[in-house]
């Protein structure tokens, strides 16, 4: 069925977003990300004290493709 749409104001559309006006059957946003983190990463809060003398994050990715998007 046709859709009647009034005024539309778009502030921003990010890389993994979908913007659609009107009829739609299926919308499938896809994104992928690779994050490397060593010891003591992703800590949040007040007065966190972490002592890591020898913390290293070694990354070897031979094929460079982990989550292909098609």
PDB file of N, CA and C in Angstrom:
ATOM      1  N   UNK A   1       0.830  -1.177   0.000  1.00  0.00           N
ATOM      2  CA  UNK A   1       0.000   0.000   0.000  1.00  0.00           C
ATOM      3  C   UNK A   1       0.878   1.244   0.000  1.00  0.00           C
ATOM      4  N   UNK A   2       0.444   2.265  -0.642  1.00  0.00           N
ATOM      5  CA  UNK A   2       1.214   3.505  -0.619  1.00  0.00           C
ATOM      6  C   UNK A   2       1.183   4.145   0.765  1.00  0.00           C
ATOM      7  N   UNK A   3       2.255   4.810   1.094  1.00  0.00           N
ATOM      8  CA  UNK A   3       2.356   5.482   2.386  1.00  0.00           C
ATOM      9  C   UNK A   3       2.335   6.986   2.175  1.00  0.00           C
ATOM     10  N   UNK A   4       1.642   7.678   3.044  1.00  0.00           N
ATOM     11  CA  UNK A   4       1.643   9.142   3.027  1.00  0.00           C
ATOM     12  C   UNK A   4       2.558   9.606   4.146  1.00  0.00           C
ATOM     13  N   UNK A   5       3.567  10.373   3.778  1.00  0.00           N
ATOM     14  CA  UNK A   5       4.569  10.822   4.744  1.00  0.00           C
ATOM     15  C   UNK A   5       4.543  12.339   4.785  1.00  0.00           C
ATOM     16  N   UNK A   6       4.527  12.883   5.991  1.00  0.00           N
ATOM     17  CA  UNK A   6       4.562  14.331   6.153  1.00  0.00           C
ATOM     18  C   UNK A   6       5.993  14.834   6.144  1.00  0.00           C
ATOM     19  N   UNK A   7       6.236  15.875   6.884  1.00  0.00           N
ATOM     20  CA  UNK A   7       7.573  16.467   6.958  1.00  0.00           C
ATOM     21  C   UNK A   7       8.535  15.517   7.663  1.00  0.00           C
ATOM     22  N   UNK A   8       9.744  15.432   7.156  1.00  0.00           N
ATOM     23  CA  UNK A   8      10.781  14.564   7.725  1.00  0.00           C
ATOM     24  C   UNK A   8      12.021  15.411   7.960  1.00  0.00           C
ATOM     25  N   UNK A   9      12.598  15.288   9.145  1.00  0.00           N
ATOM     26  CA  UNK A   9      13.844  15.985   9.468  1.00  0.00           C
ATOM     27  C   UNK A   9      14.869  14.950   9.901  1.00  0.00           C
ATOM     28  N   UNK A  10      15.952  14.831   9.150  1.00  0.00           N
ATOM     29  CA  UNK A  10      17.015  13.879   9.453  1.00  0.00           C
ATOM     30  C   UNK A  10      18.193  14.663  10.009  1.00  0.00           C
ATOM     31  N   UNK A  11      18.589  14.350  11.222  1.00  0.00           N
ATOM     32  CA  UNK A  11      19.733  15.020  11.841  1.00  0.00           C
ATOM     33  C   UNK A  11      21.037  14.374  11.396  1.00  0.00           C
ATOM     34  N   UNK A  12      21.113  13.046  11.505  1.00  0.00           N
ATOM     35  CA  UNK A  12      22.322  12.361  11.044  1.00  0.00           C
ATOM     36  C   UNK A  12      21.998  10.901  10.761  1.00  0.00           C
ATOM     37  N   UNK A  13      22.780  10.318   9.871  1.00  0.00           N
ATOM     38  CA  UNK A  13      22.689   8.905   9.547  1.00  0.00           C
ATOM     39  C   UNK A  13      24.108   8.371   9.608  1.00  0.00           C
ATOM     40  N   UNK A  14      24.343   7.397  10.477  1.00  0.00           N
ATOM     41  CA  UNK A  14      25.699   6.865  10.634  1.00  0.00           C
ATOM     42  C   UNK A  14      25.960   5.755   9.623  1.00  0.00           C
ATOM     43  N   UNK A  15      27.143   5.200   9.677  1.00  0.00           N
ATOM     44  CA  UNK A  15      27.572   4.225   8.677  1.00  0.00           C
ATOM     45  C   UNK A  15      26.750   2.942   8.711  1.00  0.00           C
ATOM     46  N   UNK A  16      26.292   2.511   9.861  1.00  0.00           N
ATOM     47  CA  UNK A  16      25.549   1.255   9.945  1.00  0.00           C
ATOM     48  C   UNK A  16      24.056   1.497  10.135  1.00  0.00           C
ATOM     49  N   UNK A  17      23.541   2.597   9.635  1.00  0.00           N
ATOM     50  CA  UNK A  17      22.129   2.941   9.791  1.00  0.00           C
ATOM     51  C   UNK A  17      21.353   2.676   8.507  1.00  0.00           C
ATOM     52  N   UNK A  18      20.044   2.617   8.669  1.00  0.00           N
ATOM     53  CA  UNK A  18      19.147   2.514   7.528  1.00  0.00           C
ATOM     54  C   UNK A  18      18.131   3.635   7.643  1.00  0.00           C
ATOM     55  N   UNK A  19      17.934   4.370   6.563  1.00  0.00           N
ATOM     56  CA  UNK A  19      16.931   5.425   6.527  1.00  0.00           C
ATOM     57  C   UNK A  19      15.952   5.079   5.416  1.00  0.00           C
ATOM     58  N   UNK A  20      14.697   4.914   5.761  1.00  0.00           N
ATOM     59  CA  UNK A  20      13.697   4.523   4.782  1.00  0.00           C
ATOM     60  C   UNK A  20      12.440   5.342   4.984  1.00  0.00           C
ATOM     61  N   UNK A  21      11.850   5.780   3.879  1.00  0.00           N
ATOM     62  CA  UNK A  21      10.542   6.432   3.912  1.00  0.00           C
ATOM     63  C   UNK A  21       9.643   5.658   2.965  1.00  0.00           C
ATOM     64  N   UNK A  22       8.526   5.212   3.481  1.00  0.00           N
ATOM     65  CA  UNK A  22       7.588   4.487   2.635  1.00  0.00           C
ATOM     66  C   UNK A  22       7.478   3.031   3.039  1.00  0.00           C
ATOM     67  N   UNK A  23       6.920   2.233   2.141  1.00  0.00           N
ATOM     68  CA  UNK A  23       6.707   0.819   2.417  1.00  0.00           C
ATOM     69  C   UNK A  23       8.021   0.060   2.328  1.00  0.00           C
ATOM     70  N   UNK A  24       8.161  -0.917   3.204  1.00  0.00           N
ATOM     71  CA  UNK A  24       9.366  -1.738   3.211  1.00  0.00           C
ATOM     72  C   UNK A  24       8.997  -3.137   3.677  1.00  0.00           C
ATOM     73  N   UNK A  25       9.620  -4.127   3.066  1.00  0.00           N
ATOM     74  CA  UNK A  25       9.370  -5.516   3.461  1.00  0.00           C
ATOM     75  C   UNK A  25      10.350  -5.961   4.537  1.00  0.00           C
ATOM     76  N   UNK A  26      11.629  -5.695   4.320  1.00  0.00           N
ATOM     77  CA  UNK A  26      12.644  -6.158   5.264  1.00  0.00           C
ATOM     78  C   UNK A  26      13.818  -5.181   5.257  1.00  0.00           C
ATOM     79  N   UNK A  27      14.302  -4.845   6.443  1.00  0.00           N
ATOM     80  CA  UNK A  27      15.489  -3.993   6.567  1.00  0.00           C
ATOM     81  C   UNK A  27      16.492  -4.728   7.442  1.00  0.00           C
ATOM     82  N   UNK A  28      17.725  -4.844   6.974  1.00  0.00           N
ATOM     83  CA  UNK A  28      18.749  -5.598   7.678  1.00  0.00           C
ATOM     84  C   UNK A  28      20.037  -4.795   7.789  1.00  0.00           C
ATOM     85  N   UNK A  29      20.179  -3.963   8.802  1.00  0.00           N
ATOM     86  CA  UNK A  29      21.446  -3.233   8.960  1.00  0.00           C
ATOM     87  C   UNK A  29      22.556  -4.194   9.377  1.00  0.00           C
ATOM     88  N   UNK A  30      23.716  -4.027   8.796  1.00  0.00           N
ATOM     89  CA  UNK A  30      24.850  -4.885   9.124  1.00  0.00           C
ATOM     90  C   UNK A  30      26.088  -4.036   9.335  1.00  0.00           C
ATOM     91  N   UNK A  31      26.877  -4.417  10.306  1.00  0.00           N
ATOM     92  CA  UNK A  31      28.170  -3.774  10.530  1.00  0.00           C
ATOM     93  C   UNK A  31      29.074  -4.759  11.239  1.00  0.00           C
ATOM     94  N   UNK A  32      30.354  -4.513  11.163  1.00  0.00           N
ATOM     95  CA  UNK A  32      31.310  -5.344  11.878  1.00  0.00           C
ATOM     96  C   UNK A  32      32.437  -4.457  12.384  1.00  0.00           C
ATOM     97  N   UNK A  33      33.069  -4.906  13.445  1.00  0.00           N
ATOM     98  CA  UNK A  33      34.177  -4.152  14.029  1.00  0.00           C
ATOM     99  C   UNK A  33      35.165  -5.121  14.656  1.00  0.00           C
ATOM    100  N   UNK A  34      36.407  -4.732  14.678  1.00  0.00           N
ATOM    101  CA  UNK A  34      37.444  -5.532  15.309  1.00  0.00           C
ATOM    102  C   UNK A  34      38.101  -4.674  16.376  1.00  0.00           C
ATOM    103  N   UNK A  35      38.161  -5.189  17.587  1.00  0.00           N
ATOM    104  CA  UNK A  35      38.721  -4.439  18.700  1.00  0.00           C
ATOM    105  C   UNK A  35      39.807  -5.260  19.371  1.00  0.00           C
ATOM    106  N   UNK A  36      40.951  -4.645  19.559  1.00  0.00           N
ATOM    107  CA  UNK A  36      42.041  -5.285  20.289  1.00  0.00           C
ATOM    108  C   UNK A  36      42.156  -4.612  21.645  1.00  0.00           C
ATOM    109  N   UNK A  37      42.235  -5.394  22.700  1.00  0.00           N
ATOM    110  CA  UNK A  37      42.331  -4.822  24.029  1.00  0.00           C
ATOM    111  C   UNK A  37      43.244  -5.678  24.889  1.00  0.00           C
ATOM    112  N   UNK A  38      44.103  -5.034  25.624  1.00  0.00           N
ATOM    113  CA  UNK A  38      45.002  -5.739  26.519  1.00  0.00           C
ATOM    114  C   UNK A  38      44.469  -5.742  27.934  1.00  0.00           C
ATOM    115  N   UNK A  39      45.300  -6.157  28.848  1.00  0.00           N
ATOM    116  CA  UNK A  39      44.917  -6.204  30.251  1.00  0.00           C
ATOM    117  C   UNK A  39      44.602  -4.807  30.769  1.00  0.00           C
ATOM    118  N   UNK A  40      43.535  -4.692  31.538  1.00  0.00           N
ATOM    119  CA  UNK A  40      43.143  -3.413  32.097  1.00  0.00           C
ATOM    120  C   UNK A  40      42.306  -2.563  31.164  1.00  0.00           C
ATOM    121  N   UNK A  41      41.890  -3.098  30.046  1.00  0.00           N
ATOM    122  CA  UNK A  41      41.083  -2.329  29.102  1.00  0.00           C
ATOM    123  C   UNK A  41      39.611  -2.374  29.484  1.00  0.00           C
ATOM    124  N   UNK A  42      38.866  -1.415  28.999  1.00  0.00           N
ATOM    125  CA  UNK A  42      37.420  -1.324  29.169  1.00  0.00           C
ATOM    126  C   UNK A  42      36.996  -1.207  30.633  1.00  0.00           C
ATOM    127  N   UNK A  43      37.816  -0.650  31.474  1.00  0.00           N
ATOM    128  CA  UNK A  43      37.442  -0.439  32.870  1.00  0.00           C
ATOM    129  C   UNK A  43      36.780   0.926  33.003  1.00  0.00           C
ATOM    130  N   UNK A  44      35.679   0.966  33.717  1.00  0.00           N
ATOM    131  CA  UNK A  44      35.001   2.227  33.965  1.00  0.00           C
ATOM    132  C   UNK A  44      34.706   2.342  35.443  1.00  0.00           C
ATOM    133  N   UNK A  45      34.593   3.546  35.905  1.00  0.00           N
ATOM    134  CA  UNK A  45      34.275   3.766  37.311  1.00  0.00           C
ATOM    135  C   UNK A  45      35.185   4.803  37.916  1.00  0.00           C
ATOM    136  N   UNK A  46      34.965   5.054  39.182  1.00  0.00           N
ATOM    137  CA  UNK A  46      35.754   6.035  39.909  1.00  0.00           C
ATOM    138  C   UNK A  46      36.898   5.352  40.659  1.00  0.00           C
ATOM    139  N   UNK A  47      38.045   5.989  40.665  1.00  0.00           N
ATOM    140  CA  UNK A  47      39.211   5.580  41.443  1.00  0.00           C
ATOM    141  C   UNK A  47      39.657   4.151  41.147  1.00  0.00           C
ATOM    142  N   UNK A  48      39.760   3.806  39.852  1.00  0.00           N
ATOM    143  CA  UNK A  48      40.270   2.483  39.467  1.00  0.00           C
ATOM    144  C   UNK A  48      41.786   2.548  39.457  1.00  0.00           C
ATOM    145  N   UNK A  49      42.412   1.576  40.082  1.00  0.00           N
ATOM    146  CA  UNK A  49      43.880   1.503  40.138  1.00  0.00           C
ATOM    147  C   UNK A  49      44.302   0.144  39.591  1.00  0.00           C
ATOM    148  N   UNK A  50      45.041   0.160  38.504  1.00  0.00           N
ATOM    149  CA  UNK A  50      45.470  -1.077  37.852  1.00  0.00           C
ATOM    150  C   UNK A  50      46.980  -1.023  37.708  1.00  0.00           C
ATOM    151  N   UNK A  51      47.647  -2.091  38.104  1.00  0.00           N
ATOM    152  CA  UNK A  51      49.100  -2.191  37.945  1.00  0.00           C
ATOM    153  C   UNK A  51      49.399  -3.363  37.023  1.00  0.00           C
ATOM    154  N   UNK A  52      49.880  -3.048  35.845  1.00  0.00           N
ATOM    155  CA  UNK A  52      50.272  -4.061  34.870  1.00  0.00           C
ATOM    156  C   UNK A  52      51.707  -3.759  34.458  1.00  0.00           C
ATOM    157  N   UNK A  53      52.628  -4.568  34.928  1.00  0.00           N
ATOM    158  CA  UNK A  53      54.032  -4.316  34.626  1.00  0.00           C
ATOM    159  C   UNK A  53      54.360  -4.593  33.159  1.00  0.00           C
ATOM    160  N   UNK A  54      53.954  -5.744  32.675  1.00  0.00           N
ATOM    161  CA  UNK A  54      54.315  -6.134  31.313  1.00  0.00           C
ATOM    162  C   UNK A  54      53.069  -6.638  30.589  1.00  0.00           C
ATOM    163  N   UNK A  55      52.202  -5.734  30.207  1.00  0.00           N
ATOM    164  CA  UNK A  55      50.997  -6.105  29.482  1.00  0.00           C
ATOM    165  C   UNK A  55      51.175  -5.772  28.010  1.00  0.00           C
ATOM    166  N   UNK A  56      51.016  -6.772  27.176  1.00  0.00           N
ATOM    167  CA  UNK A  56      51.155  -6.594  25.730  1.00  0.00           C
ATOM    168  C   UNK A  56      49.982  -7.268  25.036  1.00  0.00           C
ATOM    169  N   UNK A  57      49.531  -6.676  23.964  1.00  0.00           N
ATOM    170  CA  UNK A  57      48.499  -7.284  23.130  1.00  0.00           C
ATOM    171  C   UNK A  57      49.119  -7.571  21.775  1.00  0.00           C
ATOM    172  N   UNK A  58      49.349  -8.840  21.509  1.00  0.00           N
ATOM    173  CA  UNK A  58      49.950  -9.252  20.246  1.00  0.00           C
ATOM    174  C   UNK A  58      48.834  -9.713  19.318  1.00  0.00           C
ATOM    175  N   UNK A  59      48.832  -9.191  18.109  1.00  0.00           N
ATOM    176  CA  UNK A  59      47.792  -9.523  17.142  1.00  0.00           C
ATOM    177  C   UNK A  59      48.453  -9.969  15.854  1.00  0.00           C
ATOM    178  N   UNK A  60      48.092 -11.161  15.418  1.00  0.00           N
ATOM    179  CA  UNK A  60      48.543 -11.642  14.107  1.00  0.00           C
ATOM    180  C   UNK A  60      47.325 -12.173  13.375  1.00  0.00           C
ATOM    181  N   UNK A  61      46.938 -11.489  12.329  1.00  0.00           N
ATOM    182  CA  UNK A  61      45.782 -11.882  11.530  1.00  0.00           C
ATOM    183  C   UNK A  61      46.264 -12.079  10.102  1.00  0.00           C
ATOM    184  N   UNK A  62      46.516 -13.316   9.740  1.00  0.00           N
ATOM    185  CA  UNK A  62      47.125 -13.599   8.438  1.00  0.00           C
ATOM    186  C   UNK A  62      46.188 -13.325   7.271  1.00  0.00           C
ATOM    187  N   UNK A  63      44.908 -13.643   7.398  1.00  0.00           N
ATOM    188  CA  UNK A  63      44.008 -13.477   6.249  1.00  0.00           C
ATOM    189  C   UNK A  63      43.353 -12.095   6.198  1.00  0.00           C
ATOM    190  N   UNK A  64      43.365 -11.331   7.258  1.00  0.00           N
ATOM    191  CA  UNK A  64      42.830  -9.969   7.329  1.00  0.00           C
ATOM    192  C   UNK A  64      41.314  -9.879   7.141  1.00  0.00           C
ATOM    193  N   UNK A  65      40.625 -11.009   7.019  1.00  0.00           N
ATOM    194  CA  UNK A  65      39.175 -11.008   6.819  1.00  0.00           C
ATOM    195  C   UNK A  65      38.547 -11.862   7.915  1.00  0.00           C
ATOM    196  N   UNK A  66      37.730 -11.240   8.765  1.00  0.00           N
ATOM    197  CA  UNK A  66      37.083 -11.984   9.833  1.00  0.00           C
ATOM    198  C   UNK A  66      35.571 -12.067   9.651  1.00  0.00           C
ATOM    199  N   UNK A  67      34.943 -10.968   9.311  1.00  0.00           N
ATOM    200  CA  UNK A  67      33.496 -10.923   9.159  1.00  0.00           C
ATOM    201  C   UNK A  67      33.162 -10.205   7.856  1.00  0.00           C
ATOM    202  N   UNK A  68      33.230 -10.895   6.738  1.00  0.00           N
ATOM    203  CA  UNK A  68      32.923 -10.216   5.472  1.00  0.00           C
ATOM    204  C   UNK A  68      31.438  -9.874   5.379  1.00  0.00           C
ATOM    205  N   UNK A  69      31.150  -8.686   4.907  1.00  0.00           N
ATOM    206  CA  UNK A  69      29.766  -8.254   4.699  1.00  0.00           C
ATOM    207  C   UNK A  69      29.475  -8.295   3.207  1.00  0.00           C
ATOM    208  N   UNK A  70      28.425  -9.000   2.846  1.00  0.00           N
ATOM    209  CA  UNK A  70      28.057  -9.082   1.430  1.00  0.00           C
ATOM    210  C   UNK A  70      26.651  -8.560   1.239  1.00  0.00           C
TER     211      UNK A  70
END
